[in-house]
Amino acid sequence: MEKITGFVLDLERFMYSEWFVITLLGTGLLLSIRTRFIQFRKIGTAWKMIFKGAFQKEEELHKEGDISPFQALNTALAATVGLGNIAGVATALALGGPGAIFWMWMTALCGMATIYGEAMLALKFRSIAEDGSMAGGPMYYISKGLKKAHGGKILAAVFAVTGSMACLLSTGCMMQSNSIALSFNSSFGVPYWVSGVVISVFTGLVTIGGIKRIGIVVEKLVPFMILFFISASMLILLIKIREIPENLILIVRSAFKPSAAIGGFAGASVIAAMQYGVSRGALSNEAGLGSSPIAHGAAKEDDPDRQGILAMNGVFIDTIIICTISALVILTSGKLTTGMTSTELAAAAFESVIPHGHLIVVFSALLFGFSTLLGWSYYGEQCVQYVMGFKVVNFYRYVFVLFVFLGAVIKLELVWSIGTIANACMALPNLIGLIVLSGVVGAIAVKKK
């Protein structure tokens, strides 16, 4: 087991070493330049669209697609705003130091241009499945957009296979149910199998109904869970408001200067800050992984540029807002020096300021984890459908529910490392496709004034 653990950790370090950091951030920077930094030019338009979409009636939408653009954004947010925003941020701080948060920001700012390109291409190159539903995502824009290049179909297949594996075995399924069950067991003594049954049943009730039912549920669930977590966190930050400026300075300074050892915190190098910041940032907002465009490809929208602009909100909300708030709660609590990590560290930070504050983390973990299960179940079925055809979709939905249960009852010590490795394997073919198609993305972004 020690050898297996060592191998997995070494592989994770390799996958998120300098070459991957450069590739991920470099793709975002390339798309930023090609689109003339659309993440800054169109940020106002993006927020106007999100508020308009929240109050848009379904009957007002007459365009081709399965769900409204707002539901598509919420489906993507359901998958991205997950335990990575709590446990992932805590782990990044514990292993990479405060500077890791700075590199999460950089990943997000570059990632906003990346997700614009992903969502735009997903809509432009989407197909119609056998049942008449929309089928979009990296599989389609890689295979169609790179059809004249050798290896386009191979890259698309690699993405679909690694994506379906990530959905079942790690990020989108077992990681979430395992973390939810763990938090309820440690806080209330709930047996793992009980949590597994409850989570599986509720997941099945939604996901077996397909993307339309998922869209209806997440449209209500996602805004509520985000507002709940932000409100609870802001209460703590108001109490600790005097400590916020110095911790923001600490984040920036630690990104370029090794963190000194303080108390139980062993300190972190600049490389560690960058590695864990980028890996946990990618795990959190998913920009560049190729997962979110699968949801955006199902939107009732005929303008790829508009859907791309709307999609940028997902990365901004996930990382710039929620991850930053999570990090500041932990840093101002002083609990970073205790040696704790993951949800345990986040729970201790809330508990240090608010009586029974750990319940906020438990409830948020439940909502975040459940919403992620809904979003990634759809991603997985689209990947499986691309590889094996439409006939296996219903079977896959039941298999996904089974893996939700297994994730809750099986001890997964390396689940986070396995999840980040699977994400990197998904990202590589997607990033290659984005780089090759960056000219297409830039042409549409610049053409639209």
Protein backbone atom coordinates (compact mmCIF):
# COMPACT_ATOMS: atom_id res chain seq x y z
CA MET A 1 0.00 0.00 0.00
CA GLU A 2 2.89 2.35 0.74
CA LYS A 3 4.30 1.70 -2.74
CA ILE A 4 0.92 2.36 -4.35
CA THR A 5 0.48 5.53 -2.32
CA GLY A 6 3.96 6.71 -3.25
CA PHE A 7 3.36 5.99 -6.94
CA VAL A 8 0.04 7.88 -6.99
CA LEU A 9 1.52 10.89 -5.21
CA ASP A 10 4.55 10.91 -7.52
CA LEU A 11 2.26 10.70 -10.56
CA GLU A 12 0.14 13.58 -9.24
CA ARG A 13 3.25 15.70 -8.73
CA PHE A 14 4.40 14.90 -12.27
CA MET A 15 1.01 15.63 -13.84
CA TYR A 16 0.90 19.02 -12.13
CA SER A 17 4.57 19.90 -12.47
CA GLU A 18 5.86 22.84 -14.49
CA TRP A 19 4.94 21.40 -17.91
CA PHE A 20 1.23 21.08 -17.03
CA VAL A 21 1.13 24.46 -15.29
CA ILE A 22 2.60 26.07 -18.41
CA THR A 23 0.20 24.18 -20.71
CA LEU A 24 -2.93 25.02 -18.69
CA LEU A 25 -2.10 28.66 -18.01
CA GLY A 26 -0.52 29.04 -21.45
CA THR A 27 -3.70 27.89 -23.19
CA GLY A 28 -5.71 30.40 -21.17
CA LEU A 29 -3.22 33.14 -21.98
CA LEU A 30 -3.27 32.22 -25.70
CA LEU A 31 -7.06 32.38 -25.76
CA SER A 32 -6.97 35.63 -23.79
CA ILE A 33 -4.75 37.19 -26.46
CA ARG A 34 -6.75 35.70 -29.35
CA THR A 35 -10.02 37.02 -27.89
CA ARG A 36 -8.43 40.37 -26.91
CA PHE A 37 -8.93 39.52 -23.23
CA ILE A 38 -12.63 38.89 -23.47
CA GLN A 39 -12.77 38.02 -19.74
CA PHE A 40 -12.18 41.71 -18.99
CA ARG A 41 -13.91 43.28 -22.03
CA LYS A 42 -17.17 41.41 -21.53
CA ILE A 43 -17.37 40.89 -17.77
CA GLY A 44 -20.16 43.48 -17.49
CA THR A 45 -22.14 41.82 -20.28
CA ALA A 46 -21.64 38.45 -18.61
CA TRP A 47 -23.19 39.63 -15.34
CA LYS A 48 -26.10 41.31 -17.12
CA MET A 49 -26.81 38.01 -18.87
CA ILE A 50 -26.79 36.04 -15.63
CA PHE A 51 -29.33 38.34 -13.96
CA LYS A 52 -31.51 38.37 -17.07
CA GLY A 53 -31.36 34.58 -17.30
CA ALA A 54 -32.46 34.16 -13.69
CA PHE A 55 -35.81 35.77 -14.48
CA GLN A 56 -36.27 34.56 -18.06
CA LYS A 57 -39.31 32.34 -18.55
CA GLU A 58 -38.99 28.98 -20.29
CA GLU A 59 -41.73 29.86 -22.79
CA GLU A 60 -39.65 32.81 -23.99
CA LEU A 61 -37.02 30.41 -25.35
CA HIS A 62 -37.74 29.12 -28.86
CA LYS A 63 -34.22 28.18 -29.88
CA GLU A 64 -32.88 24.70 -30.49
CA GLY A 65 -31.58 22.95 -27.37
CA ASP A 66 -32.53 21.00 -24.26
CA ILE A 67 -32.24 23.52 -21.41
CA SER A 68 -32.14 27.30 -21.06
CA PRO A 69 -28.74 29.07 -21.13
CA PHE A 70 -29.21 29.90 -17.43
CA GLN A 71 -29.92 26.24 -16.63
CA ALA A 72 -26.81 25.28 -18.62
CA LEU A 73 -24.73 27.70 -16.53
CA ASN A 74 -26.24 26.32 -13.32
CA THR A 75 -25.57 22.75 -14.44
CA ALA A 76 -21.94 23.71 -15.03
CA LEU A 77 -21.85 25.52 -11.67
CA ALA A 78 -23.45 22.52 -9.98
CA ALA A 79 -20.51 20.43 -11.15
CA THR A 80 -17.80 23.03 -10.46
CA VAL A 81 -18.98 24.46 -7.12
CA GLY A 82 -18.27 21.32 -5.13
CA LEU A 83 -16.14 20.06 -2.32
CA GLY A 84 -13.12 21.50 -4.11
CA ASN A 85 -14.31 24.90 -2.90
CA ILE A 86 -14.07 23.72 0.72
CA ALA A 87 -11.80 20.69 1.03
CA GLY A 88 -9.78 21.60 -2.08
CA VAL A 89 -9.02 25.13 -0.85
CA ALA A 90 -8.11 23.82 2.62
CA THR A 91 -5.80 21.20 1.08
CA ALA A 92 -4.17 23.78 -1.20
CA LEU A 93 -3.48 26.02 1.82
CA ALA A 94 -2.20 23.16 3.98
CA LEU A 95 0.16 21.77 1.32
CA GLY A 96 1.02 24.82 -0.78
CA GLY A 97 0.72 27.62 1.75
CA PRO A 98 -1.16 30.93 1.33
CA GLY A 99 0.56 31.53 -2.03
CA ALA A 100 -1.46 28.67 -3.53
CA ILE A 101 -4.52 30.93 -3.49
CA PHE A 102 -2.76 33.47 -5.72
CA TRP A 103 -2.12 30.75 -8.30
CA MET A 104 -5.75 29.68 -8.02
CA TRP A 105 -6.64 33.27 -8.98
CA MET A 106 -4.28 33.18 -11.97
CA THR A 107 -5.75 29.85 -13.05
CA ALA A 108 -9.22 31.39 -12.86
CA LEU A 109 -8.39 34.63 -14.72
CA CYS A 110 -6.80 32.68 -17.57
CA GLY A 111 -9.53 30.07 -17.21
CA MET A 112 -12.29 32.58 -17.96
CA ALA A 113 -10.94 32.92 -21.49
CA THR A 114 -10.55 29.14 -21.64
CA ILE A 115 -14.14 28.45 -20.62
CA TYR A 116 -15.33 31.06 -23.12
CA GLY A 117 -13.60 29.10 -25.87
CA GLU A 118 -14.86 25.76 -24.57
CA ALA A 119 -18.51 26.80 -24.31
CA MET A 120 -18.43 28.66 -27.62
CA LEU A 121 -16.94 25.68 -29.46
CA ALA A 122 -19.35 23.27 -27.74
CA LEU A 123 -22.30 25.19 -29.15
CA LYS A 124 -20.75 25.70 -32.58
CA PHE A 125 -19.85 22.04 -33.16
CA ARG A 126 -22.61 20.25 -31.23
CA SER A 127 -24.57 17.35 -32.72
CA ILE A 128 -28.06 15.90 -32.31
CA ALA A 129 -28.27 12.52 -30.56
CA GLU A 130 -30.54 9.64 -31.62
CA ASP A 131 -33.28 10.73 -29.22
CA GLY A 132 -33.23 14.30 -30.55
CA SER A 133 -31.32 15.76 -27.59
CA MET A 134 -28.20 17.91 -27.92
CA ALA A 135 -24.74 16.36 -27.73
CA GLY A 136 -21.87 18.78 -27.24
CA GLY A 137 -18.47 19.08 -25.65
CA PRO A 138 -14.79 18.45 -26.42
CA MET A 139 -15.55 15.10 -28.10
CA TYR A 140 -17.44 16.91 -30.83
CA TYR A 141 -15.42 20.09 -31.29
CA ILE A 142 -12.18 18.08 -31.33
CA SER A 143 -13.43 15.49 -33.83
CA LYS A 144 -15.24 18.01 -36.05
CA GLY A 145 -12.91 20.97 -35.67
CA LEU A 146 -9.76 18.90 -36.17
CA LYS A 147 -11.18 16.62 -38.87
CA LYS A 148 -8.47 17.65 -41.36
CA ALA A 149 -5.73 17.03 -38.79
CA HIS A 150 -4.42 13.57 -38.04
CA GLY A 151 -5.49 12.26 -34.67
CA GLY A 152 -8.60 14.41 -34.15
CA LYS A 153 -10.88 11.42 -33.65
CA ILE A 154 -8.28 9.70 -31.50
CA LEU A 155 -7.98 12.75 -29.22
CA ALA A 156 -11.77 12.97 -28.98
CA ALA A 157 -11.98 9.29 -28.01
CA VAL A 158 -9.21 9.70 -25.41
CA PHE A 159 -11.13 12.58 -23.83
CA ALA A 160 -14.39 10.60 -23.79
CA VAL A 161 -12.77 7.51 -22.24
CA THR A 162 -10.80 9.38 -19.56
CA GLY A 163 -13.81 11.62 -18.92
CA SER A 164 -16.14 8.67 -18.31
CA MET A 165 -13.57 7.12 -15.96
CA ALA A 166 -13.17 10.38 -14.04
CA CYS A 167 -16.95 10.68 -13.73
CA LEU A 168 -17.35 7.22 -12.21
CA LEU A 169 -14.17 6.58 -10.27
CA SER A 170 -13.12 9.91 -8.85
CA THR A 171 -13.94 13.58 -9.31
CA GLY A 172 -17.56 13.45 -10.35
CA CYS A 173 -18.86 10.58 -8.28
CA MET A 174 -16.97 8.60 -5.62
CA MET A 175 -14.99 11.59 -4.35
CA GLN A 176 -18.19 13.52 -3.65
CA SER A 177 -20.20 10.75 -1.96
CA ASN A 178 -17.15 9.70 0.07
CA SER A 179 -16.62 13.23 1.40
CA ILE A 180 -20.33 13.70 2.21
CA ALA A 181 -20.52 10.38 4.06
CA LEU A 182 -17.29 11.17 5.95
CA SER A 183 -18.56 14.57 7.10
CA PHE A 184 -21.88 13.14 8.35
CA ASN A 185 -20.14 10.26 10.12
CA SER A 186 -17.65 12.51 11.92
CA SER A 187 -20.28 15.13 12.86
CA PHE A 188 -23.35 13.01 13.66
CA GLY A 189 -22.13 9.41 13.74
CA VAL A 190 -24.26 8.48 10.72
CA PRO A 191 -23.12 5.06 9.36
CA TYR A 192 -21.46 5.28 5.96
CA TRP A 193 -23.92 2.86 4.36
CA VAL A 194 -26.90 4.97 5.50
CA SER A 195 -25.42 8.07 3.90
CA GLY A 196 -24.65 6.02 0.81
CA VAL A 197 -28.23 4.81 0.43
CA VAL A 198 -29.75 8.27 0.94
CA ILE A 199 -27.34 10.02 -1.44
CA SER A 200 -27.77 7.30 -4.07
CA VAL A 201 -31.57 7.42 -3.94
CA PHE A 202 -31.76 11.21 -4.31
CA THR A 203 -29.12 11.20 -7.05
CA GLY A 204 -31.04 8.53 -8.95
CA LEU A 205 -34.36 10.39 -8.65
CA VAL A 206 -32.81 13.33 -10.50
CA THR A 207 -30.21 11.90 -12.86
CA ILE A 208 -32.24 9.02 -14.30
CA GLY A 209 -34.59 11.68 -15.69
CA GLY A 210 -31.80 13.10 -17.87
CA ILE A 211 -30.54 16.62 -18.52
CA LYS A 212 -33.96 18.32 -18.50
CA ARG A 213 -34.71 17.14 -14.97
CA ILE A 214 -31.16 17.96 -13.86
CA GLY A 215 -31.57 21.47 -15.30
CA ILE A 216 -34.80 22.06 -13.40
CA VAL A 217 -33.30 20.93 -10.08
CA VAL A 218 -29.96 22.77 -10.30
CA GLU A 219 -31.66 26.00 -11.40
CA LYS A 220 -33.14 26.17 -7.88
CA LEU A 221 -30.44 24.37 -5.88
CA VAL A 222 -27.27 26.12 -7.09
CA PRO A 223 -28.22 29.77 -6.32
CA PHE A 224 -29.46 28.73 -2.87
CA MET A 225 -26.36 26.77 -1.87
CA ILE A 226 -23.99 29.49 -3.13
CA LEU A 227 -25.84 32.26 -1.28
CA PHE A 228 -25.99 30.14 1.89
CA PHE A 229 -22.24 29.48 1.96
CA ILE A 230 -21.29 33.05 1.03
CA SER A 231 -23.62 34.52 3.68
CA ALA A 232 -22.26 32.27 6.45
CA SER A 233 -18.66 32.96 5.40
CA MET A 234 -19.19 36.72 5.17
CA LEU A 235 -20.49 36.72 8.74
CA ILE A 236 -17.14 35.35 9.89
CA LEU A 237 -15.17 37.75 7.69
CA LEU A 238 -17.11 40.72 9.07
CA ILE A 239 -16.04 39.65 12.56
CA LYS A 240 -12.45 39.25 11.35
CA ILE A 241 -12.50 42.21 8.96
CA ARG A 242 -9.35 43.83 10.41
CA GLU A 243 -7.32 40.72 9.56
CA ILE A 244 -8.39 40.51 5.92
CA PRO A 245 -5.93 43.06 4.38
CA GLU A 246 -2.84 41.46 5.98
CA ASN A 247 -3.92 37.99 4.80
CA LEU A 248 -4.51 39.23 1.26
CA ILE A 249 -0.97 40.65 1.31
CA LEU A 250 0.27 37.31 2.69
CA ILE A 251 -1.36 35.45 -0.23
CA VAL A 252 0.35 37.61 -2.83
CA ARG A 253 3.74 37.68 -1.07
CA SER A 254 3.76 33.90 -0.53
CA ALA A 255 3.16 33.28 -4.23
CA PHE A 256 6.68 34.56 -4.99
CA LYS A 257 8.47 33.97 -1.71
CA PRO A 258 8.63 30.67 0.23
CA SER A 259 6.24 30.57 3.19
CA ALA A 260 7.99 30.47 6.55
CA ALA A 261 7.18 27.67 8.98
CA ILE A 262 4.65 28.86 11.56
CA GLY A 263 3.46 26.62 14.40
CA GLY A 264 2.21 23.34 12.96
CA PHE A 265 2.54 24.62 9.39
CA ALA A 266 5.76 23.35 7.84
CA GLY A 267 6.08 26.10 5.27
CA ALA A 268 5.90 25.78 1.49
CA SER A 269 8.08 26.57 -1.50
CA VAL A 270 7.03 28.74 -4.43
CA ILE A 271 6.86 25.60 -6.61
CA ALA A 272 4.55 23.91 -4.09
CA ALA A 273 2.32 26.99 -3.98
CA MET A 274 2.10 27.01 -7.76
CA GLN A 275 1.57 23.25 -8.04
CA TYR A 276 -1.23 23.00 -5.50
CA GLY A 277 -2.78 26.30 -6.50
CA VAL A 278 -3.08 25.29 -10.15
CA SER A 279 -4.13 21.69 -9.45
CA ARG A 280 -6.79 22.61 -6.88
CA GLY A 281 -7.83 25.60 -9.00
CA ALA A 282 -8.36 23.36 -12.01
CA LEU A 283 -10.17 20.83 -9.82
CA SER A 284 -12.43 23.58 -8.51
CA ASN A 285 -13.39 25.66 -11.57
CA GLU A 286 -12.71 22.97 -14.22
CA ALA A 287 -11.63 25.52 -16.86
CA GLY A 288 -9.58 23.60 -19.40
CA LEU A 289 -10.75 20.17 -18.26
CA GLY A 290 -13.46 20.03 -20.91
CA SER A 291 -16.28 19.10 -18.53
CA SER A 292 -18.32 22.33 -18.36
CA PRO A 293 -18.74 22.74 -22.15
CA ILE A 294 -20.71 19.48 -22.18
CA ALA A 295 -23.45 21.28 -20.22
CA HIS A 296 -23.20 24.48 -22.27
CA GLY A 297 -23.57 22.45 -25.47
CA ALA A 298 -27.14 21.57 -24.42
CA ALA A 299 -28.28 25.22 -24.11
CA LYS A 300 -31.21 26.71 -26.03
CA GLU A 301 -28.96 29.23 -27.72
CA ASP A 302 -27.92 29.72 -31.34
CA ASP A 303 -25.14 32.28 -30.74
CA PRO A 304 -21.89 30.59 -29.61
CA ASP A 305 -20.43 33.94 -28.53
CA ARG A 306 -23.29 34.65 -26.12
CA GLN A 307 -23.05 31.23 -24.47
CA GLY A 308 -19.29 31.62 -24.14
CA ILE A 309 -19.66 34.98 -22.41
CA LEU A 310 -22.30 33.59 -20.02
CA ALA A 311 -20.03 30.62 -19.24
CA MET A 312 -17.27 32.92 -17.93
CA ASN A 313 -19.43 33.66 -14.88
CA GLY A 314 -18.99 30.08 -13.71
CA VAL A 315 -15.22 30.37 -13.25
CA PHE A 316 -15.46 33.83 -11.68
CA ILE A 317 -18.11 32.76 -9.14
CA ASP A 318 -16.39 29.49 -8.32
CA THR A 319 -12.80 30.64 -7.77
CA ILE A 320 -12.58 34.42 -7.53
CA ILE A 321 -15.55 34.62 -5.16
CA ILE A 322 -16.18 31.32 -3.34
CA CYS A 323 -12.62 29.95 -3.14
CA THR A 324 -11.27 33.33 -2.01
CA ILE A 325 -13.89 33.56 0.73
CA SER A 326 -13.10 30.00 1.88
CA ALA A 327 -9.39 30.78 1.98
CA LEU A 328 -9.85 34.00 3.97
CA VAL A 329 -12.05 32.23 6.54
CA ILE A 330 -9.29 29.66 7.11
CA LEU A 331 -6.43 32.18 7.15
CA THR A 332 -8.14 34.62 9.53
CA SER A 333 -9.08 31.77 11.88
CA GLY A 334 -5.44 30.93 12.59
CA LYS A 335 -6.15 27.23 12.15
CA LEU A 336 -3.72 26.78 9.25
CA THR A 337 -0.95 26.11 11.80
CA THR A 338 -2.74 23.13 13.41
CA GLY A 339 -1.62 20.54 10.85
CA MET A 340 -5.20 19.76 9.80
CA THR A 341 -6.29 19.62 6.15
CA SER A 342 -9.34 19.08 3.90
CA THR A 343 -12.84 19.54 5.37
CA GLU A 344 -11.45 19.07 8.89
CA LEU A 345 -9.47 22.29 8.55
CA ALA A 346 -12.43 24.17 7.07
CA ALA A 347 -14.75 22.94 9.84
CA ALA A 348 -12.26 23.99 12.53
CA ALA A 349 -12.01 27.46 10.97
CA PHE A 350 -15.78 27.99 11.09
CA GLU A 351 -16.02 26.47 14.58
CA SER A 352 -13.40 28.89 15.92
CA VAL A 353 -15.64 31.89 15.25
CA ILE A 354 -19.23 30.60 15.22
CA PRO A 355 -20.58 28.14 17.82
CA HIS A 356 -21.34 24.84 16.05
CA GLY A 357 -19.85 26.42 12.94
CA HIS A 358 -18.75 23.00 11.69
CA LEU A 359 -22.42 22.36 10.83
CA ILE A 360 -22.14 25.06 8.15
CA VAL A 361 -19.34 23.07 6.52
CA VAL A 362 -21.30 19.81 6.84
CA PHE A 363 -24.44 21.29 5.27
CA SER A 364 -22.45 23.06 2.54
CA ALA A 365 -20.52 19.86 1.83
CA LEU A 366 -23.84 18.05 1.37
CA LEU A 367 -25.22 20.65 -1.05
CA PHE A 368 -21.96 21.14 -2.94
CA GLY A 369 -21.28 17.42 -3.22
CA PHE A 370 -24.83 16.55 -4.28
CA SER A 371 -24.92 19.26 -6.94
CA THR A 372 -21.57 18.04 -8.30
CA LEU A 373 -22.98 14.51 -8.57
CA LEU A 374 -25.85 15.85 -10.70
CA GLY A 375 -23.64 17.79 -13.08
CA TRP A 376 -21.00 15.11 -13.53
CA SER A 377 -23.57 12.35 -14.06
CA TYR A 378 -24.58 14.17 -17.25
CA TYR A 379 -20.97 14.69 -18.28
CA GLY A 380 -20.30 10.98 -17.85
CA GLU A 381 -23.30 9.86 -19.85
CA GLN A 382 -22.33 12.13 -22.73
CA CYS A 383 -18.79 10.69 -22.74
CA VAL A 384 -20.12 7.13 -22.65
CA GLN A 385 -22.66 7.94 -25.36
CA TYR A 386 -19.89 9.23 -27.64
CA VAL A 387 -17.84 6.04 -27.23
CA MET A 388 -20.54 3.35 -27.03
CA GLY A 389 -23.70 4.88 -28.48
CA PHE A 390 -27.05 6.09 -27.18
CA LYS A 391 -28.32 2.64 -26.15
CA VAL A 392 -26.02 2.44 -23.12
CA VAL A 393 -27.11 5.77 -21.59
CA ASN A 394 -29.88 4.40 -19.37
CA PHE A 395 -27.63 1.57 -18.18
CA TYR A 396 -24.87 4.08 -17.39
CA ARG A 397 -27.24 6.16 -15.25
CA TYR A 398 -27.92 3.19 -12.98
CA VAL A 399 -24.21 2.32 -12.85
CA PHE A 400 -23.46 5.90 -11.81
CA VAL A 401 -25.94 5.64 -8.92
CA LEU A 402 -24.27 2.36 -7.84
CA PHE A 403 -20.85 4.04 -7.81
CA VAL A 404 -22.29 6.87 -5.71
CA PHE A 405 -23.14 4.27 -3.06
CA LEU A 406 -19.75 2.53 -3.35
CA GLY A 407 -17.94 5.84 -2.94
CA ALA A 408 -19.73 6.42 0.35
CA VAL A 409 -18.86 3.05 1.91
CA ILE A 410 -15.36 2.36 0.55
CA LYS A 411 -12.33 3.90 2.24
CA LEU A 412 -10.65 6.11 -0.35
CA GLU A 413 -7.48 7.47 1.19
CA LEU A 414 -6.02 8.65 -2.12
CA VAL A 415 -9.30 9.84 -3.63
CA TRP A 416 -8.24 13.48 -4.06
CA SER A 417 -4.94 12.58 -5.71
CA ILE A 418 -6.63 10.07 -8.02
CA GLY A 419 -9.22 12.69 -8.88
CA THR A 420 -6.69 15.36 -9.82
CA ILE A 421 -4.75 12.84 -11.96
CA ALA A 422 -7.94 11.86 -13.82
CA ASN A 423 -8.70 15.54 -14.39
CA ALA A 424 -5.26 16.10 -15.92
CA CYS A 425 -5.78 13.13 -18.27
CA MET A 426 -9.08 14.68 -19.38
CA ALA A 427 -7.54 18.09 -19.81
CA LEU A 428 -4.68 17.18 -22.13
CA PRO A 429 -6.68 16.25 -25.30
CA ASN A 430 -9.03 19.15 -24.60
CA LEU A 431 -6.18 21.66 -24.28
CA ILE A 432 -4.66 20.41 -27.54
CA GLY A 433 -8.02 20.94 -29.25
CA LEU A 434 -8.38 24.43 -27.80
CA ILE A 435 -4.89 25.43 -28.94
CA VAL A 436 -5.50 24.20 -32.50
CA LEU A 437 -8.94 25.85 -32.63
CA SER A 438 -7.86 29.08 -30.90
CA GLY A 439 -8.04 30.90 -34.23
CA VAL A 440 -11.73 29.96 -34.59
CA VAL A 441 -12.40 31.15 -31.03
CA GLY A 442 -10.57 34.42 -31.59
CA ALA A 443 -12.29 35.14 -34.90
CA ILE A 444 -15.76 34.88 -33.37
CA ALA A 445 -14.84 36.76 -30.18
CA VAL A 446 -13.25 39.69 -32.04
CA LYS A 447 -15.98 39.83 -34.68
CA LYS A 448 -18.62 40.34 -31.97
CA LYS A 449 -18.20 43.88 -30.66
